[in-house]
C-alpha atoms as a PDB file:
ATOM      1  CA  MET A   1      71.199 194.358 -91.262  1.00  0.00           C
ATOM      2  CA  LEU A   2      73.423 195.533 -88.421  1.00  0.00           C
ATOM      3  CA  ILE A   3      70.426 196.186 -86.157  1.00  0.00           C
ATOM      4  CA  TRP A   4      69.097 192.632 -86.505  1.00  0.00           C
ATOM      5  CA  PRO A   5      70.339 191.261 -83.125  1.00  0.00           C
ATOM      6  CA  SER A   6      69.086 194.287 -81.179  1.00  0.00           C
ATOM      7  CA  MET A   7      65.723 194.100 -82.928  1.00  0.00           C
ATOM      8  CA  GLN A   8      65.427 190.487 -81.809  1.00  0.00           C
ATOM      9  CA  ASN A   9      66.244 191.408 -78.221  1.00  0.00           C
ATOM     10  CA  SER A  10      63.804 194.313 -78.216  1.00  0.00           C
ATOM     11  CA  ALA A  11      61.017 192.160 -79.614  1.00  0.00           C
ATOM     12  CA  ALA A  12      61.646 189.525 -76.961  1.00  0.00           C
ATOM     13  CA  GLN A  13      60.872 192.082 -74.276  1.00  0.00           C
ATOM     14  CA  HIS A  14      57.240 192.464 -75.398  1.00  0.00           C
ATOM     15  CA  PRO A  15      55.895 189.032 -76.424  1.00  0.00           C
ATOM     16  CA  LEU A  16      53.169 188.484 -73.848  1.00  0.00           C
ATOM     17  CA  GLY A  17      49.819 190.023 -74.598  1.00  0.00           C
ATOM     18  CA  LEU A  18      50.791 190.901 -78.147  1.00  0.00           C
ATOM     19  CA  ARG A  19      50.877 187.475 -79.763  1.00  0.00           C
ATOM     20  CA  ALA A  20      47.515 186.032 -80.761  1.00  0.00           C
ATOM     21  CA  ASN A  21      47.047 182.295 -81.192  1.00  0.00           C
ATOM     22  CA  SER A  22      44.317 182.629 -83.798  1.00  0.00           C
ATOM     23  CA  LEU A  23      42.747 185.166 -86.105  1.00  0.00           C
ATOM     24  CA  GLU A  24      39.717 185.275 -83.841  1.00  0.00           C
ATOM     25  CA  GLU A  25      41.915 186.133 -80.867  1.00  0.00           C
ATOM     26  CA  LEU A  26      43.645 188.850 -82.884  1.00  0.00           C
ATOM     27  CA  PHE A  27      40.293 190.394 -83.810  1.00  0.00           C
ATOM     28  CA  SER A  28      39.271 190.215 -80.159  1.00  0.00           C
ATOM     29  CA  LYS A  29      42.430 192.006 -79.010  1.00  0.00           C
ATOM     30  CA  LEU A  30      41.717 194.773 -81.504  1.00  0.00           C
ATOM     31  CA  ALA A  31      38.010 195.165 -80.687  1.00  0.00           C
ATOM     32  CA  PRO A  32      38.424 198.179 -78.356  1.00  0.00           C
ATOM     33  CA  GLN A  33      40.694 199.918 -80.839  1.00  0.00           C
ATOM     34  CA  ARG A  34      38.288 199.250 -83.693  1.00  0.00           C
ATOM     35  CA  ALA A  35      35.344 200.535 -81.669  1.00  0.00           C
ATOM     36  CA  HIS A  36      37.228 203.794 -81.129  1.00  0.00           C
ATOM     37  CA  LYS A  37      39.021 204.176 -84.452  1.00  0.00           C
ATOM     38  CA  GLY A  38      36.788 202.409 -86.959  1.00  0.00           C
ATOM     39  CA  PRO A  39      38.168 200.225 -89.776  1.00  0.00           C
ATOM     40  CA  LEU A  40      41.671 198.917 -89.146  1.00  0.00           C
ATOM     41  CA  TRP A  41      44.666 198.092 -91.330  1.00  0.00           C
ATOM     42  CA  PHE A  42      46.268 194.665 -91.089  1.00  0.00           C
ATOM     43  CA  GLY A  43      49.854 194.240 -92.212  1.00  0.00           C
ATOM     44  CA  ILE A  44      50.419 191.046 -94.198  1.00  0.00           C
ATOM     45  CA  SER A  45      53.938 189.675 -94.181  1.00  0.00           C
ATOM     46  CA  GLY A  46      55.381 186.466 -95.502  1.00  0.00           C
ATOM     47  CA  SER A  47      58.100 184.607 -97.268  1.00  0.00           C
ATOM     48  CA  TRP A  48      58.405 184.740-101.039  1.00  0.00           C
ATOM     49  CA  ARG A  49      60.980 182.063-101.846  1.00  0.00           C
ATOM     50  CA  LYS A  50      58.909 179.021-100.841  1.00  0.00           C
ATOM     51  CA  THR A  51      55.155 178.604-100.856  1.00  0.00           C
ATOM     52  CA  SER A  52      52.462 175.949-101.089  1.00  0.00           C
ATOM     53  CA  GLN A  53      48.754 175.587-101.715  1.00  0.00           C
ATOM     54  CA  GLU A  54      48.273 175.461 -97.953  1.00  0.00           C
ATOM     55  CA  VAL A  55      49.948 178.846 -97.546  1.00  0.00           C
ATOM     56  CA  GLU A  56      48.019 180.391-100.424  1.00  0.00           C
ATOM     57  CA  ASP A  57      44.686 179.112 -99.091  1.00  0.00           C
ATOM     58  CA  ALA A  58      45.460 180.445 -95.608  1.00  0.00           C
ATOM     59  CA  VAL A  59      46.441 183.861 -96.966  1.00  0.00           C
ATOM     60  CA  ARG A  60      43.329 184.159 -99.102  1.00  0.00           C
ATOM     61  CA  THR A  61      41.004 183.036 -96.304  1.00  0.00           C
ATOM     62  CA  THR A  62      42.601 185.520 -93.913  1.00  0.00           C
ATOM     63  CA  VAL A  63      42.355 188.434 -96.327  1.00  0.00           C
ATOM     64  CA  HIS A  64      38.748 187.555 -97.127  1.00  0.00           C
ATOM     65  CA  ARG A  65      37.872 187.708 -93.438  1.00  0.00           C
ATOM     66  CA  ILE A  66      39.659 191.029 -93.008  1.00  0.00           C
ATOM     67  CA  LEU A  67      37.918 192.711 -95.920  1.00  0.00           C
ATOM     68  CA  GLU A  68      34.481 191.331 -95.086  1.00  0.00           C
ATOM     69  CA  ARG A  69      34.831 193.171 -91.763  1.00  0.00           C
ATOM     70  CA  GLY A  70      35.400 196.400 -93.661  1.00  0.00           C
ATOM     71  CA  ASP A  71      39.096 196.539 -92.748  1.00  0.00           C
ATOM     72  CA  GLY A  72      42.088 196.821 -95.080  1.00  0.00           C
ATOM     73  CA  ILE A  73      45.443 195.187 -95.749  1.00  0.00           C
ATOM     74  CA  VAL A  74      48.977 196.558 -95.992  1.00  0.00           C
ATOM     75  CA  SER A  75      51.636 194.610 -97.880  1.00  0.00           C
ATOM     76  CA  GLY A  76      55.085 194.967 -99.367  1.00  0.00           C
ATOM     77  CA  GLY A  77      54.278 194.093-102.967  1.00  0.00           C
ATOM     78  CA  ALA A  78      56.385 190.941-103.184  1.00  0.00           C
ATOM     79  CA  LEU A  79      55.765 187.476-104.624  1.00  0.00           C
ATOM     80  CA  SER A  80      53.920 184.600-102.933  1.00  0.00           C
ATOM     81  CA  VAL A  81      52.235 185.784 -99.694  1.00  0.00           C
ATOM     82  CA  ASP A  82      52.038 189.451-100.717  1.00  0.00           C
ATOM     83  CA  PHE A  83      50.858 188.520-104.204  1.00  0.00           C
ATOM     84  CA  PHE A  84      48.144 186.143-102.921  1.00  0.00           C
ATOM     85  CA  ALA A  85      46.950 188.703-100.373  1.00  0.00           C
ATOM     86  CA  THR A  86      46.778 191.512-102.892  1.00  0.00           C
ATOM     87  CA  ASP A  87      45.036 189.367-105.483  1.00  0.00           C
ATOM     88  CA  GLU A  88      42.374 188.274-103.003  1.00  0.00           C
ATOM     89  CA  ALA A  89      41.877 191.822-101.758  1.00  0.00           C
ATOM     90  CA  LEU A  90      41.515 193.156-105.288  1.00  0.00           C
ATOM     91  CA  ASN A  91      38.889 190.526-106.075  1.00  0.00           C
ATOM     92  CA  LEU A  92      36.860 191.708-103.085  1.00  0.00           C
ATOM     93  CA  ASP A  93      37.691 195.418-103.417  1.00  0.00           C
ATOM     94  CA  PRO A  94      37.873 196.313-107.137  1.00  0.00           C
ATOM     95  CA  ASP A  95      38.480 199.991-106.364  1.00  0.00           C
ATOM     96  CA  ALA A  96      41.489 199.076-104.203  1.00  0.00           C
ATOM     97  CA  THR A  97      40.402 201.420-101.427  1.00  0.00           C
ATOM     98  CA  HIS A  98      41.215 198.841 -98.743  1.00  0.00           C
ATOM     99  CA  ILE A  99      44.701 198.083-100.043  1.00  0.00           C
ATOM    100  CA  LYS A 100      48.036 199.740 -99.273  1.00  0.00           C
ATOM    101  CA  ILE A 101      51.241 198.528-100.874  1.00  0.00           C
ATOM    102  CA  PHE A 102      54.624 199.917 -99.887  1.00  0.00           C
ATOM    103  CA  LEU A 103      57.438 199.525-102.411  1.00  0.00           C
ATOM    104  CA  PRO A 104      61.154 199.919-101.615  1.00  0.00           C
ATOM    105  CA  VAL A 105      61.646 202.062-104.744  1.00  0.00           C
ATOM    106  CA  THR A 106      59.456 203.484-107.503  1.00  0.00           C
ATOM    107  CA  LEU A 107      57.251 201.048-109.387  1.00  0.00           C
ATOM    108  CA  GLU A 108      59.334 201.600-112.516  1.00  0.00           C
ATOM    109  CA  ARG A 109      62.556 200.660-110.713  1.00  0.00           C
ATOM    110  CA  TYR A 110      60.809 197.778-108.951  1.00  0.00           C
ATOM    111  CA  ALA A 111      59.627 196.357-112.270  1.00  0.00           C
ATOM    112  CA  ALA A 112      63.133 196.635-113.713  1.00  0.00           C
ATOM    113  CA  HIS A 113      64.521 194.856-110.640  1.00  0.00           C
ATOM    114  CA  TYR A 114      62.120 191.923-111.003  1.00  0.00           C
ATOM    115  CA  ARG A 115      62.811 191.569-114.701  1.00  0.00           C
ATOM    116  CA  LYS A 116      66.532 191.510-113.895  1.00  0.00           C
ATOM    117  CA  ARG A 117      65.965 188.840-111.247  1.00  0.00           C
ATOM    118  CA  ALA A 118      64.027 186.837-113.818  1.00  0.00           C
ATOM    119  CA  SER A 119      66.937 187.069-116.252  1.00  0.00           C
ATOM    120  CA  GLU A 120      69.198 185.781-113.455  1.00  0.00           C
ATOM    121  CA  GLY A 121      66.903 182.817-112.808  1.00  0.00           C
ATOM    122  CA  VAL A 122      66.016 183.866-109.267  1.00  0.00           C
ATOM    123  CA  VAL A 123      62.329 184.118-110.203  1.00  0.00           C
ATOM    124  CA  THR A 124      60.560 183.116-113.391  1.00  0.00           C
ATOM    125  CA  LEU A 125      59.663 185.670-116.033  1.00  0.00           C
ATOM    126  CA  GLU A 126      56.027 184.655-115.575  1.00  0.00           C
ATOM    127  CA  GLN A 127      56.216 185.466-111.861  1.00  0.00           C
ATOM    128  CA  ALA A 128      57.880 188.803-112.506  1.00  0.00           C
ATOM    129  CA  GLU A 129      55.401 189.905-115.153  1.00  0.00           C
ATOM    130  CA  ALA A 130      52.397 188.780-113.086  1.00  0.00           C
ATOM    131  CA  LEU A 131      53.589 190.819-110.103  1.00  0.00           C
ATOM    132  CA  ILE A 132      54.341 193.879-112.227  1.00  0.00           C
ATOM    133  CA  ALA A 133      50.931 193.650-113.897  1.00  0.00           C
ATOM    134  CA  GLN A 134      49.228 193.366-110.512  1.00  0.00           C
ATOM    135  CA  LEU A 135      50.955 196.449-109.126  1.00  0.00           C
ATOM    136  CA  GLU A 136      50.341 198.473-112.265  1.00  0.00           C
ATOM    137  CA  GLU A 137      46.657 197.531-112.208  1.00  0.00           C
ATOM    138  CA  ILE A 138      46.257 198.549-108.581  1.00  0.00           C
ATOM    139  CA  LYS A 139      47.974 201.863-109.275  1.00  0.00           C
ATOM    140  CA  ARG A 140      45.637 202.408-112.232  1.00  0.00           C
ATOM    141  CA  ARG A 141      42.547 201.746-110.124  1.00  0.00           C
ATOM    142  CA  ASN A 142      43.706 203.712-107.081  1.00  0.00           C
ATOM    143  CA  PRO A 143      46.992 205.617-107.409  1.00  0.00           C
ATOM    144  CA  SER A 144      47.147 206.241-103.665  1.00  0.00           C
ATOM    145  CA  ALA A 145      47.131 202.489-102.931  1.00  0.00           C
ATOM    146  CA  VAL A 146      50.716 202.059-104.165  1.00  0.00           C
ATOM    147  CA  ILE A 147      53.184 203.999-102.046  1.00  0.00           C
ATOM    148  CA  GLU A 148      56.465 204.342-103.933  1.00  0.00           C
ATOM    149  CA  ASN A 149      59.775 205.283-102.332  1.00  0.00           C
ATOM    150  CA  THR A 150      61.250 207.925-104.605  1.00  0.00           C
ATOM    151  CA  ALA A 151      64.357 208.426-102.452  1.00  0.00           C
ATOM    152  CA  ASN A 152      65.793 204.934-102.945  1.00  0.00           C
ATOM    153  CA  THR A 153      67.349 203.968-106.260  1.00  0.00           C
ATOM    154  CA  ILE A 154      68.235 200.320-105.646  1.00  0.00           C
ATOM    155  CA  VAL A 155      66.456 197.248-104.315  1.00  0.00           C
ATOM    156  CA  ASP A 156      68.586 195.463-101.732  1.00  0.00           C
ATOM    157  CA  PRO A 157      68.217 194.069 -98.195  1.00  0.00           C
ATOM    158  CA  THR A 158      68.512 197.549 -96.696  1.00  0.00           C
ATOM    159  CA  THR A 159      65.665 199.031 -98.750  1.00  0.00           C
ATOM    160  CA  TYR A 160      63.580 195.876 -98.341  1.00  0.00           C
ATOM    161  CA  PHE A 161      63.931 196.066 -94.554  1.00  0.00           C
ATOM    162  CA  ALA A 162      63.103 199.775 -94.643  1.00  0.00           C
ATOM    163  CA  ARG A 163      59.981 198.807 -96.613  1.00  0.00           C
ATOM    164  CA  ASN A 164      59.082 196.388 -93.824  1.00  0.00           C
ATOM    165  CA  THR A 165      59.220 199.293 -91.381  1.00  0.00           C
ATOM    166  CA  GLU A 166      56.764 201.279 -93.507  1.00  0.00           C
ATOM    167  CA  VAL A 167      54.377 198.317 -93.614  1.00  0.00           C
ATOM    168  CA  VAL A 168      54.433 198.068 -89.820  1.00  0.00           C
ATOM    169  CA  ASN A 169      54.068 201.827 -89.372  1.00  0.00           C
ATOM    170  CA  ALA A 170      50.903 201.815 -91.492  1.00  0.00           C
ATOM    171  CA  SER A 171      49.360 198.783 -89.767  1.00  0.00           C
ATOM    172  CA  ASP A 172      47.316 198.382 -86.608  1.00  0.00           C
ATOM    173  CA  ALA A 173      48.310 194.718 -86.334  1.00  0.00           C
ATOM    174  CA  LEU A 174      50.409 192.190 -88.231  1.00  0.00           C
ATOM    175  CA  ILE A 175      49.561 188.780 -89.640  1.00  0.00           C
ATOM    176  CA  ALA A 176      52.628 186.817 -90.714  1.00  0.00           C
ATOM    177  CA  PHE A 177      52.900 183.687 -92.842  1.00  0.00           C
ATOM    178  CA  HIS A 178      56.375 182.654 -91.775  1.00  0.00           C
ATOM    179  CA  VAL A 179      57.896 179.998 -94.026  1.00  0.00           C
ATOM    180  CA  ASN A 180      61.191 178.345 -93.085  1.00  0.00           C
ATOM    181  CA  GLU A 181      61.987 181.079 -90.549  1.00  0.00           C
ATOM    182  CA  SER A 182      62.666 183.589 -93.310  1.00  0.00           C
ATOM    183  CA  GLU A 183      64.638 186.631 -92.208  1.00  0.00           C
ATOM    184  CA  GLY A 184      62.445 189.211 -93.938  1.00  0.00           C
ATOM    185  CA  ALA A 185      59.235 188.048 -92.287  1.00  0.00           C
ATOM    186  CA  GLN A 186      61.011 187.807 -88.939  1.00  0.00           C
ATOM    187  CA  ASP A 187      62.225 191.384 -89.343  1.00  0.00           C
ATOM    188  CA  THR A 188      58.645 192.554 -89.856  1.00  0.00           C
ATOM    189  CA  ILE A 189      57.398 190.532 -86.873  1.00  0.00           C
ATOM    190  CA  ASN A 190      60.106 191.982 -84.639  1.00  0.00           C
ATOM    191  CA  LYS A 191      59.300 195.536 -85.695  1.00  0.00           C
ATOM    192  CA  ALA A 192      55.592 195.039 -84.992  1.00  0.00           C
ATOM    193  CA  LEU A 193      56.363 193.699 -81.518  1.00  0.00           C
ATOM    194  CA  VAL A 194      58.728 196.594 -80.799  1.00  0.00           C
ATOM    195  CA  GLN A 195      55.905 198.967 -81.733  1.00  0.00           C
ATOM    196  CA  LYS A 196      53.658 196.948 -79.393  1.00  0.00           C
ATOM    197  CA  LYS A 197      51.267 195.976 -82.167  1.00  0.00           C
ATOM    198  CA  PRO A 198      49.399 192.661 -81.928  1.00  0.00           C
ATOM    199  CA  VAL A 199      50.671 189.865 -84.152  1.00  0.00           C
ATOM    200  CA  PHE A 200      49.357 186.518 -85.327  1.00  0.00           C
ATOM    201  CA  ILE A 201      52.025 184.240 -86.780  1.00  0.00           C
ATOM    202  CA  ASN A 202      51.317 181.265 -89.033  1.00  0.00           C
ATOM    203  CA  THR A 203      54.449 179.097 -89.295  1.00  0.00           C
ATOM    204  CA  TYR A 204      55.285 176.644 -92.062  1.00  0.00           C
ATOM    205  CA  THR A 205      58.174 174.397 -93.039  1.00  0.00           C
ATOM    206  CA  ILE A 206      58.465 173.730 -96.768  1.00  0.00           C
ATOM    207  CA  VAL A 207      61.268 171.582 -98.128  1.00  0.00           C
END
């Protein structure tokens, strides 16, 4: 959290040429890299507290286009944007070979955290159990698709932000679904820009 202002300043130094105004433009920016490297990995980042049908539809359409190209997605295994993206990817890629999910802790600890948050009323029990089931199913189909952090023992802003770094590190570009200027999504955007990776940002305001 203490590095937040400097991350903003660093990101501001590299905006031009990295920000795409559409998915098509993002694909175009990445064409030389894809021709050299082959299939690419697209980080998916977004807000979890607020969502809408518009956001879900945009996420699913984006992921569909990524996977139909033969590319893959990288996400942080959270609710809303991450959940929609992973669900769509799994529908198109049943073996989960084009999916990478970075967790801030082990899946067991992550599940316990979400159940605790459900008991506190932060999320619903239905949301928590659906997310846990999704992650467990992906791990069953392809154990290497779920990357667990065995060093961390708690889920908090520090480990969440560290998870964002891992998502960016594993991605060739970032697509963000930024709702209400959420801090977590902005952190991921900033880190992608600092690493000079192309980004496409979808912005939403949801009351």
